[in-house]
N, C-alpha and C. Protein backbone atom coordinates (compact mmCIF):
# COMPACT_ATOMS: atom_id res chain seq x y z
N MET A 1 65.90 44.23 61.05
CA MET A 1 67.06 44.85 61.45
C MET A 1 68.09 44.76 60.26
N GLU A 2 68.66 45.76 60.05
CA GLU A 2 69.80 45.69 58.87
C GLU A 2 71.20 45.20 59.63
N PRO A 3 71.78 44.49 58.89
CA PRO A 3 73.19 44.00 59.26
C PRO A 3 74.08 45.32 59.54
N PHE A 4 75.05 45.22 60.46
CA PHE A 4 76.06 46.16 60.79
C PHE A 4 77.27 45.88 60.27
N LEU A 5 77.81 46.75 59.48
CA LEU A 5 79.16 46.49 58.88
C LEU A 5 80.19 47.71 59.09
N MET A 6 81.19 47.54 59.96
CA MET A 6 82.06 48.45 60.12
C MET A 6 83.35 48.21 59.28
N THR A 7 83.83 49.21 58.71
CA THR A 7 85.28 49.03 58.08
C THR A 7 86.20 50.07 58.83
N THR A 8 87.47 49.61 59.02
CA THR A 8 88.30 50.61 59.70
C THR A 8 88.60 51.78 58.89
N SER A 9 88.43 51.67 57.59
CA SER A 9 88.78 52.86 56.73
C SER A 9 87.72 53.86 57.01
N ALA A 10 86.49 53.61 57.07
CA ALA A 10 85.29 54.39 57.30
C ALA A 10 85.48 54.99 58.75
N VAL A 11 85.82 54.26 59.80
CA VAL A 11 85.94 54.84 60.91
C VAL A 11 87.04 55.80 60.93
N THR A 12 88.11 55.42 60.49
CA THR A 12 89.42 56.28 60.37
C THR A 12 88.92 57.62 59.68
N ALA A 13 88.32 57.55 58.53
CA ALA A 13 87.86 58.63 57.83
C ALA A 13 86.92 59.52 58.74
N ALA A 14 86.07 59.04 59.48
CA ALA A 14 85.20 59.77 60.30
C ALA A 14 85.89 60.32 61.48
N GLY A 15 86.88 59.65 62.00
CA GLY A 15 87.69 60.33 63.15
C GLY A 15 88.53 61.41 62.57
N THR A 16 89.01 61.34 61.31
CA THR A 16 89.80 62.54 60.78
C THR A 16 88.89 63.65 60.48
N GLU A 17 87.65 63.42 60.06
CA GLU A 17 86.81 64.45 59.81
C GLU A 17 86.40 65.21 61.23
N LEU A 18 86.17 64.40 62.21
CA LEU A 18 85.74 64.89 63.55
C LEU A 18 86.89 65.70 63.97
N GLY A 19 88.19 65.31 63.85
CA GLY A 19 89.22 66.04 64.30
C GLY A 19 89.33 67.36 63.58
N SER A 20 89.14 67.57 62.23
CA SER A 20 89.22 68.71 61.65
C SER A 20 87.86 69.53 62.02
N LEU A 21 86.82 69.03 62.16
CA LEU A 21 85.79 69.88 62.81
C LEU A 21 86.01 70.42 64.07
N ALA A 22 86.65 69.52 64.96
CA ALA A 22 87.21 70.15 66.39
C ALA A 22 88.08 71.28 66.26
N ALA A 23 88.96 71.23 65.20
CA ALA A 23 89.77 72.44 65.10
C ALA A 23 89.14 73.56 64.55
N SER A 24 88.16 73.38 63.60
CA SER A 24 87.58 74.60 63.15
C SER A 24 86.56 75.22 64.31
N VAL A 25 85.76 74.49 64.99
CA VAL A 25 84.99 74.88 66.08
C VAL A 25 85.74 75.64 67.05
N ALA A 26 86.93 75.04 67.52
CA ALA A 26 87.85 75.62 68.56
C ALA A 26 88.16 76.93 68.18
N GLY A 27 88.64 77.10 66.80
CA GLY A 27 89.09 78.32 66.26
C GLY A 27 88.01 79.47 66.33
N ALA A 28 86.68 79.14 66.27
CA ALA A 28 85.61 80.05 66.37
C ALA A 28 85.37 80.54 67.75
N ALA A 29 85.87 79.77 68.82
CA ALA A 29 85.66 80.20 70.21
C ALA A 29 86.42 81.39 70.53
N GLY A 30 85.69 82.37 71.15
CA GLY A 30 86.37 83.55 71.81
C GLY A 30 86.27 84.76 70.67
N THR A 31 85.78 84.54 69.45
CA THR A 31 85.73 85.52 68.59
C THR A 31 84.53 86.51 68.95
N GLY A 32 83.56 85.98 69.54
CA GLY A 32 82.34 86.76 69.92
C GLY A 32 82.73 87.88 70.98
N ALA A 33 83.63 87.34 71.93
CA ALA A 33 83.78 88.33 72.94
C ALA A 33 84.53 89.44 72.59
N VAL A 34 85.69 89.20 71.39
CA VAL A 34 86.39 90.23 71.03
C VAL A 34 85.48 91.25 70.17
N SER A 35 84.68 90.66 69.42
CA SER A 35 83.78 91.41 68.53
C SER A 35 82.87 92.17 69.43
N ALA A 36 82.25 91.67 70.57
CA ALA A 36 81.31 92.42 71.51
C ALA A 36 82.23 93.61 72.20
N ALA A 37 83.36 93.18 72.58
CA ALA A 37 84.10 94.25 73.32
C ALA A 37 84.52 95.50 72.42
N ALA A 38 84.55 95.24 71.08
CA ALA A 38 84.91 96.42 70.36
C ALA A 38 83.64 97.50 70.27
N LEU A 39 82.44 97.01 70.72
CA LEU A 39 81.36 97.91 70.69
C LEU A 39 81.34 98.81 71.77
N THR A 40 82.23 98.80 72.81
CA THR A 40 82.24 99.51 73.96
C THR A 40 82.21 101.00 73.75
N PRO A 41 83.04 101.54 72.65
CA PRO A 41 82.92 102.97 72.28
C PRO A 41 81.50 103.29 71.78
N VAL A 42 80.92 102.53 70.92
CA VAL A 42 79.70 102.74 70.41
C VAL A 42 78.56 102.93 71.43
N PHE A 43 78.35 102.11 72.36
CA PHE A 43 77.48 102.14 73.31
C PHE A 43 77.67 103.23 74.56
N GLY A 44 78.82 103.47 74.86
CA GLY A 44 79.13 104.40 75.82
C GLY A 44 78.48 104.05 77.23
N LEU A 45 78.52 105.04 78.04
CA LEU A 45 77.97 105.00 79.34
C LEU A 45 76.54 104.44 79.34
N ILE A 46 75.70 104.93 78.48
CA ILE A 46 74.16 104.75 78.51
C ILE A 46 73.99 103.23 78.12
N GLY A 47 74.72 102.79 77.16
CA GLY A 47 74.51 101.38 76.78
C GLY A 47 75.40 100.39 77.50
N GLY A 48 76.08 100.76 78.47
CA GLY A 48 76.80 99.90 79.20
C GLY A 48 76.18 98.64 79.95
N ASP A 49 74.93 98.76 80.37
CA ASP A 49 74.30 97.48 80.89
C ASP A 49 73.81 96.57 79.83
N TYR A 50 73.46 97.10 78.63
CA TYR A 50 73.07 96.23 77.48
C TYR A 50 74.43 95.45 77.08
N LEU A 51 75.41 96.30 76.88
CA LEU A 51 76.81 95.64 76.50
C LEU A 51 77.33 94.66 77.61
N ALA A 52 77.06 94.91 78.86
CA ALA A 52 77.37 93.89 79.82
C ALA A 52 76.68 92.45 79.53
N GLU A 53 75.42 92.67 79.41
CA GLU A 53 74.56 91.48 79.16
C GLU A 53 74.98 90.80 78.06
N LEU A 54 75.15 91.62 76.86
CA LEU A 54 75.68 91.08 75.61
C LEU A 54 76.89 90.21 75.74
N LEU A 55 77.83 90.83 76.52
CA LEU A 55 79.06 90.08 76.79
C LEU A 55 78.90 88.80 77.56
N GLY A 56 78.02 88.94 78.49
CA GLY A 56 77.63 87.71 79.28
C GLY A 56 77.11 86.58 78.25
N ALA A 57 76.21 86.89 77.53
CA ALA A 57 75.72 85.89 76.52
C ALA A 57 76.65 85.53 75.58
N VAL A 58 77.53 86.32 75.07
CA VAL A 58 78.56 85.85 74.26
C VAL A 58 79.52 84.89 74.76
N THR A 59 79.85 85.36 76.09
CA THR A 59 80.82 84.34 76.85
C THR A 59 80.20 83.07 77.00
N ALA A 60 79.00 82.98 77.40
CA ALA A 60 78.23 81.73 77.57
C ALA A 60 78.18 80.93 76.40
N THR A 61 78.03 81.38 75.15
CA THR A 61 78.01 80.88 73.91
C THR A 61 79.58 80.39 73.56
N ASP A 62 80.50 81.23 73.83
CA ASP A 62 81.99 80.70 73.60
C ASP A 62 82.24 79.60 74.58
N ALA A 63 81.62 79.61 75.63
CA ALA A 63 82.07 78.35 76.46
C ALA A 63 81.27 77.02 76.00
N GLU A 64 80.11 77.28 75.35
CA GLU A 64 79.38 76.22 74.82
C GLU A 64 80.07 75.60 73.52
N VAL A 65 80.80 76.60 72.81
CA VAL A 65 81.47 76.33 71.55
C VAL A 65 82.75 75.51 71.93
N THR A 66 83.40 75.81 73.12
CA THR A 66 84.47 75.24 73.52
C THR A 66 84.24 73.91 73.94
N ARG A 67 83.12 73.62 74.46
CA ARG A 67 82.61 72.25 75.14
C ARG A 67 82.47 71.54 73.70
N LEU A 68 81.86 72.07 72.64
CA LEU A 68 81.37 71.48 71.49
C LEU A 68 82.76 70.93 70.67
N ALA A 69 83.80 71.68 70.85
CA ALA A 69 85.00 71.38 70.10
C ALA A 69 85.68 70.22 70.98
N ALA A 70 85.67 70.30 72.27
CA ALA A 70 86.18 69.11 73.17
C ALA A 70 85.41 67.79 72.83
N PHE A 71 84.11 67.88 72.77
CA PHE A 71 83.35 66.81 72.31
C PHE A 71 83.77 66.07 71.03
N TYR A 72 84.03 66.97 70.04
CA TYR A 72 84.42 66.46 68.70
C TYR A 72 85.95 65.83 68.75
N THR A 73 86.62 66.46 69.69
CA THR A 73 88.07 65.81 69.85
C THR A 73 87.99 64.48 70.56
N SER A 74 87.14 64.34 71.55
CA SER A 74 86.89 63.18 72.17
C SER A 74 86.45 62.17 71.18
N ALA A 75 85.48 62.51 70.56
CA ALA A 75 84.86 61.63 69.43
C ALA A 75 86.02 61.11 68.49
N SER A 76 86.74 62.02 67.93
CA SER A 76 87.96 61.74 67.07
C SER A 76 88.85 60.72 67.76
N ALA A 77 89.32 60.88 69.00
CA ALA A 77 90.01 60.06 69.71
C ALA A 77 89.49 58.69 69.82
N GLY A 78 88.19 58.83 70.11
CA GLY A 78 87.24 57.44 70.36
C GLY A 78 87.26 56.72 69.09
N ALA A 79 87.27 57.29 67.84
CA ALA A 79 87.41 56.62 66.62
C ALA A 79 88.70 56.03 66.26
N ALA A 80 89.74 56.71 66.75
CA ALA A 80 91.05 55.93 66.58
C ALA A 80 91.30 54.83 67.61
N ARG A 81 90.69 54.99 68.77
CA ARG A 81 90.77 53.69 69.67
C ARG A 81 89.88 52.53 69.09
N THR A 82 88.71 52.93 68.64
CA THR A 82 87.96 51.90 67.96
C THR A 82 88.64 51.09 66.72
N VAL A 83 89.44 51.96 65.97
CA VAL A 83 90.06 51.13 64.87
C VAL A 83 91.20 50.41 65.31
N ALA A 84 91.89 51.03 66.49
CA ALA A 84 93.02 50.14 66.95
C ALA A 84 92.66 48.84 67.58
N SER A 85 91.42 48.87 68.43
CA SER A 85 90.80 47.69 68.89
C SER A 85 90.37 46.74 67.90
N ALA A 86 89.80 47.26 66.77
CA ALA A 86 89.20 46.34 65.71
C ALA A 86 90.38 45.68 65.10
N VAL A 87 91.46 46.35 64.75
CA VAL A 87 92.66 45.77 64.12
C VAL A 87 93.22 44.69 64.97
N ALA A 88 93.47 45.17 66.30
CA ALA A 88 94.00 44.04 67.23
C ALA A 88 93.19 42.70 67.41
N THR A 89 91.86 43.06 67.38
CA THR A 89 90.79 41.88 67.52
C THR A 89 90.88 40.99 66.28
N ASP A 90 90.87 41.57 65.10
CA ASP A 90 90.94 40.87 63.92
C ASP A 90 92.28 40.21 63.81
N GLY A 91 93.35 40.77 64.09
CA GLY A 91 94.66 40.08 64.02
C GLY A 91 94.57 38.83 65.05
N GLY A 92 94.12 39.09 66.16
CA GLY A 92 94.01 38.04 67.29
C GLY A 92 93.33 37.03 66.71
N GLY A 93 92.21 37.17 66.24
CA GLY A 93 91.14 36.19 65.73
C GLY A 93 91.75 35.40 64.52
N ALA A 94 92.44 36.18 63.65
CA ALA A 94 92.83 35.45 62.60
C ALA A 94 94.10 34.42 62.97
N GLY A 95 95.01 34.87 63.93
CA GLY A 95 96.08 34.05 64.53
C GLY A 95 95.49 32.83 65.22
N ALA A 96 94.36 33.04 66.00
CA ALA A 96 93.73 31.79 66.69
C ALA A 96 93.26 30.91 65.63
N LEU A 97 92.50 31.39 64.58
CA LEU A 97 92.10 30.50 63.54
C LEU A 97 93.23 29.77 62.78
N LEU A 98 94.35 30.38 62.53
CA LEU A 98 95.35 29.91 61.90
C LEU A 98 96.03 28.84 62.72
N GLY A 99 96.21 29.08 64.10
CA GLY A 99 96.59 28.12 65.08
C GLY A 99 95.77 26.84 65.18
N LEU A 100 94.31 27.06 65.07
CA LEU A 100 93.49 25.92 64.95
C LEU A 100 93.78 24.96 63.90
N LEU A 101 93.95 25.73 62.74
CA LEU A 101 94.10 25.00 61.46
C LEU A 101 95.49 24.33 61.19
N GLY A 102 96.48 24.77 62.15
CA GLY A 102 97.73 24.30 62.06
C GLY A 102 98.64 25.07 61.37
N ALA A 103 98.40 26.19 60.70
CA ALA A 103 99.08 27.10 59.88
C ALA A 103 99.81 28.03 60.75
N SER A 104 100.78 28.67 60.15
CA SER A 104 101.40 29.73 60.82
C SER A 104 101.42 31.06 60.06
């Protein structure tokens, strides 16, 4: 088994990237429904059933894209919490060791 090494800078960078990814993915949600709705004049009455199914599929896809953006947002927040916890733990551990050594 390989040793595990976590650096707060790497986790912070990953959290930042996840936040950017969340924003990009969230920006894509909803664009499919707008594009599909623009097809209404093209399909007319005859293609109405097909267009309704297409809009249903696009709406379901947009919902999944929104869920994916929420996941990335959550992961970004989790990275920030991990860094805060690691910094606090390191600070507490260092303080305890200095206290044992009689240093301040």
